[in-house]
Amino acid sequence: MSTPNAPLQPASDGVPADTSPDALFTAFREGARKKSGRFTFTWFVAAAVPVVLALGFFSLWRLNGTSFSVVTPHGIKVLRAGMTTQEVGGLLGNPLTLQKQGDQDCYRYGRPNFVNEVFVVYSVCYEQGQVRDVLTHQYSAWQIDPATGTFVAPGQPPAPKNPAG
């Protein structure tokens, strides 16, 4: 009777004494076990790398806040009373300016421009470091006529030049 993993004993002429299939293919079975171990380790590493990368990106995102700004009419609605300056800064980015109104600190957010006729700037007002009010300010981009020094309303043609003057 032979044992399944008994070491082979060479006979006098170099042929193993046990020629059963279990004894003949032990090298292949041992190699398969080694490959299976390497295969499992490879799959473990392949699964662990994306998890580690995802955790790294998540921690960077939590430290630095979002990388986008929601300074839009729809995005400004995300703000709620009681939010801190850090929470609002993470959503809206850096403010344009600070304006004090009594006990409140009001930070202005938006994108003033002279391309559109009208643009909106939002004021987020805080009391004791928490949002108390969000205001909308609408501005129009008037132009100055260089020839006459007069103001020209958005959408209006420049005033005709006075030939007499």
Protein backbone atom coordinates (compact mmCIF):
# COMPACT_ATOMS: atom_id res chain seq x y z
CA MET A 1 0.00 0.00 0.00
CA SER A 2 1.36 3.40 -0.90
CA THR A 3 0.81 6.74 0.79
CA PRO A 4 -0.44 9.59 -1.40
CA ASN A 5 2.55 11.90 -0.93
CA ALA A 6 5.28 9.48 -0.02
CA PRO A 7 8.71 10.46 -1.31
CA LEU A 8 9.91 8.40 -4.23
CA GLN A 9 12.63 5.92 -3.52
CA PRO A 10 14.84 5.33 -6.54
CA ALA A 11 15.55 1.74 -7.35
CA SER A 12 18.96 0.52 -8.25
CA ASP A 13 18.51 1.25 -11.96
CA GLY A 14 17.28 4.89 -11.44
CA VAL A 15 13.55 4.11 -11.84
CA PRO A 16 11.34 4.97 -8.87
CA ALA A 17 10.15 2.03 -6.85
CA ASP A 18 6.56 3.30 -6.66
CA THR A 19 5.11 3.74 -10.15
CA SER A 20 1.52 4.44 -9.17
CA PRO A 21 -0.10 7.56 -10.76
CA ASP A 22 -0.16 9.29 -7.37
CA ALA A 23 3.59 8.84 -7.01
CA LEU A 24 4.46 9.69 -10.62
CA PHE A 25 2.71 13.08 -10.75
CA THR A 26 3.56 14.51 -7.34
CA ALA A 27 5.84 17.15 -8.88
CA PHE A 28 2.98 18.47 -10.98
CA ARG A 29 0.62 18.55 -8.02
CA GLU A 30 3.16 20.41 -5.86
CA GLY A 31 3.80 22.89 -8.69
CA ALA A 32 0.07 23.43 -9.06
CA ARG A 33 -0.19 24.26 -5.38
CA LYS A 34 2.62 26.79 -5.71
CA LYS A 35 0.96 28.40 -8.73
CA SER A 36 -2.34 28.50 -6.90
CA GLY A 37 -0.67 30.39 -4.05
CA ARG A 38 0.88 32.89 -6.47
CA PHE A 39 -2.43 33.18 -8.30
CA THR A 40 -4.27 33.99 -5.08
CA PHE A 41 -1.66 36.59 -4.10
CA THR A 42 -1.87 38.21 -7.54
CA TRP A 43 -5.64 38.49 -7.31
CA PHE A 44 -5.35 39.91 -3.82
CA VAL A 45 -2.91 42.61 -4.99
CA ALA A 46 -5.04 43.34 -8.06
CA ALA A 47 -8.09 43.86 -5.85
CA ALA A 48 -6.23 45.82 -3.14
CA VAL A 49 -4.65 48.43 -5.45
CA PRO A 50 -7.96 50.02 -6.62
CA VAL A 51 -9.28 50.00 -3.06
CA VAL A 52 -6.16 51.78 -1.77
CA LEU A 53 -6.33 54.32 -4.62
CA ALA A 54 -10.02 54.98 -3.97
CA LEU A 55 -9.34 55.55 -0.27
CA GLY A 56 -6.48 57.91 -1.14
CA PHE A 57 -8.60 59.99 -3.50
CA PHE A 58 -11.45 60.08 -0.98
CA SER A 59 -9.15 61.30 1.79
CA LEU A 60 -7.68 64.00 -0.48
CA TRP A 61 -11.18 65.08 -1.45
CA ARG A 62 -12.20 65.31 2.21
CA LEU A 63 -9.10 67.37 3.06
CA ASN A 64 -9.33 69.77 0.12
CA GLY A 65 -13.08 69.91 -0.46
CA THR A 66 -14.61 69.77 -3.87
CA SER A 67 -12.73 70.98 -6.88
CA PHE A 68 -15.74 72.54 -8.56
CA SER A 69 -17.86 75.55 -7.83
CA VAL A 70 -21.66 75.69 -7.74
CA VAL A 71 -22.02 79.46 -8.08
CA THR A 72 -25.13 79.11 -10.23
CA PRO A 73 -28.79 79.88 -9.50
CA HIS A 74 -29.44 76.17 -8.99
CA GLY A 75 -26.18 75.49 -7.12
CA ILE A 76 -26.64 78.34 -4.63
CA LYS A 77 -29.78 76.57 -3.40
CA VAL A 78 -27.53 73.92 -1.83
CA LEU A 79 -26.63 76.36 0.94
CA ARG A 80 -28.57 76.01 4.17
CA ALA A 81 -28.82 78.11 7.31
CA GLY A 82 -26.29 76.99 9.90
CA MET A 83 -23.57 75.90 7.46
CA THR A 84 -20.05 76.98 8.42
CA THR A 85 -17.69 79.11 6.35
CA GLN A 86 -15.59 76.00 5.61
CA GLU A 87 -18.60 74.09 4.27
CA VAL A 88 -19.67 77.00 2.05
CA GLY A 89 -16.08 77.55 0.90
CA GLY A 90 -15.87 73.88 -0.08
CA LEU A 91 -18.93 74.29 -2.29
CA LEU A 92 -18.48 77.78 -3.70
CA GLY A 93 -14.71 78.23 -3.62
CA ASN A 94 -13.02 81.47 -2.61
CA PRO A 95 -15.24 84.55 -2.28
CA LEU A 96 -14.80 87.72 -4.31
CA THR A 97 -14.84 90.05 -1.33
CA LEU A 98 -15.95 90.50 2.28
CA GLN A 99 -18.50 93.10 3.31
CA LYS A 100 -19.49 93.79 6.94
CA GLN A 101 -23.14 94.58 7.69
CA GLY A 102 -23.59 95.15 11.41
CA ASP A 103 -22.91 91.86 13.21
CA GLN A 104 -22.85 89.91 9.95
CA ASP A 105 -19.91 89.09 7.70
CA CYS A 106 -21.14 88.84 4.10
CA TYR A 107 -18.96 87.15 1.50
CA ARG A 108 -19.73 87.77 -2.17
CA TYR A 109 -19.60 84.98 -4.73
CA GLY A 110 -20.09 85.08 -8.48
CA ARG A 111 -18.46 85.85 -11.80
CA PRO A 112 -18.76 89.52 -12.74
CA ASN A 113 -18.25 90.02 -16.47
CA PHE A 114 -18.71 92.60 -19.15
CA VAL A 115 -19.71 90.18 -21.89
CA ASN A 116 -23.26 89.59 -20.68
CA GLU A 117 -25.57 92.54 -20.26
CA VAL A 118 -26.56 91.43 -16.75
CA PHE A 119 -24.73 89.27 -14.22
CA VAL A 120 -25.55 88.03 -10.72
CA VAL A 121 -23.45 88.14 -7.56
CA TYR A 122 -24.54 86.29 -4.40
CA SER A 123 -23.92 87.44 -0.83
CA VAL A 124 -23.66 84.76 1.84
CA CYS A 125 -24.00 86.38 5.26
CA TYR A 126 -22.77 84.76 8.48
CA GLU A 127 -23.45 85.42 12.15
CA GLN A 128 -21.06 83.73 14.59
CA GLY A 129 -19.56 81.66 11.78
CA GLN A 130 -22.85 80.18 10.51
CA VAL A 131 -24.93 81.04 7.43
CA ARG A 132 -27.85 83.30 8.28
CA ASP A 133 -28.85 84.74 4.90
CA VAL A 134 -28.16 84.36 1.15
CA LEU A 135 -28.88 87.40 -1.04
CA THR A 136 -28.91 87.83 -4.82
CA HIS A 137 -27.59 91.03 -6.41
CA GLN A 138 -28.15 91.68 -10.10
CA TYR A 139 -25.82 94.08 -11.88
CA SER A 140 -25.76 95.44 -15.40
CA ALA A 141 -22.55 96.11 -17.22
CA TRP A 142 -22.77 99.69 -18.45
CA GLN A 143 -20.16 100.92 -20.88
CA ILE A 144 -18.52 104.31 -21.12
CA ASP A 145 -18.39 105.91 -24.52
CA PRO A 146 -14.76 107.06 -24.84
CA ALA A 147 -15.59 109.89 -27.24
CA THR A 148 -18.24 111.55 -25.09
CA GLY A 149 -17.60 110.09 -21.62
CA THR A 150 -21.26 109.16 -21.25
CA PHE A 151 -22.59 105.92 -19.89
CA VAL A 152 -24.28 103.53 -22.32
CA ALA A 153 -26.84 101.08 -20.94
CA PRO A 154 -26.50 97.43 -21.89
CA GLY A 155 -28.15 96.65 -25.22
CA GLN A 156 -28.33 100.34 -26.22
CA PRO A 157 -26.40 101.75 -29.17
CA PRO A 158 -23.87 104.47 -28.36
CA ALA A 159 -25.21 108.02 -28.54
CA PRO A 160 -24.54 109.73 -31.89
CA LYS A 161 -21.63 112.17 -31.84
CA ASN A 162 -22.58 115.83 -31.79
CA PRO A 163 -21.07 117.37 -34.96
CA ALA A 164 -21.52 120.90 -33.57
CA GLY A 165 -19.44 120.35 -30.48
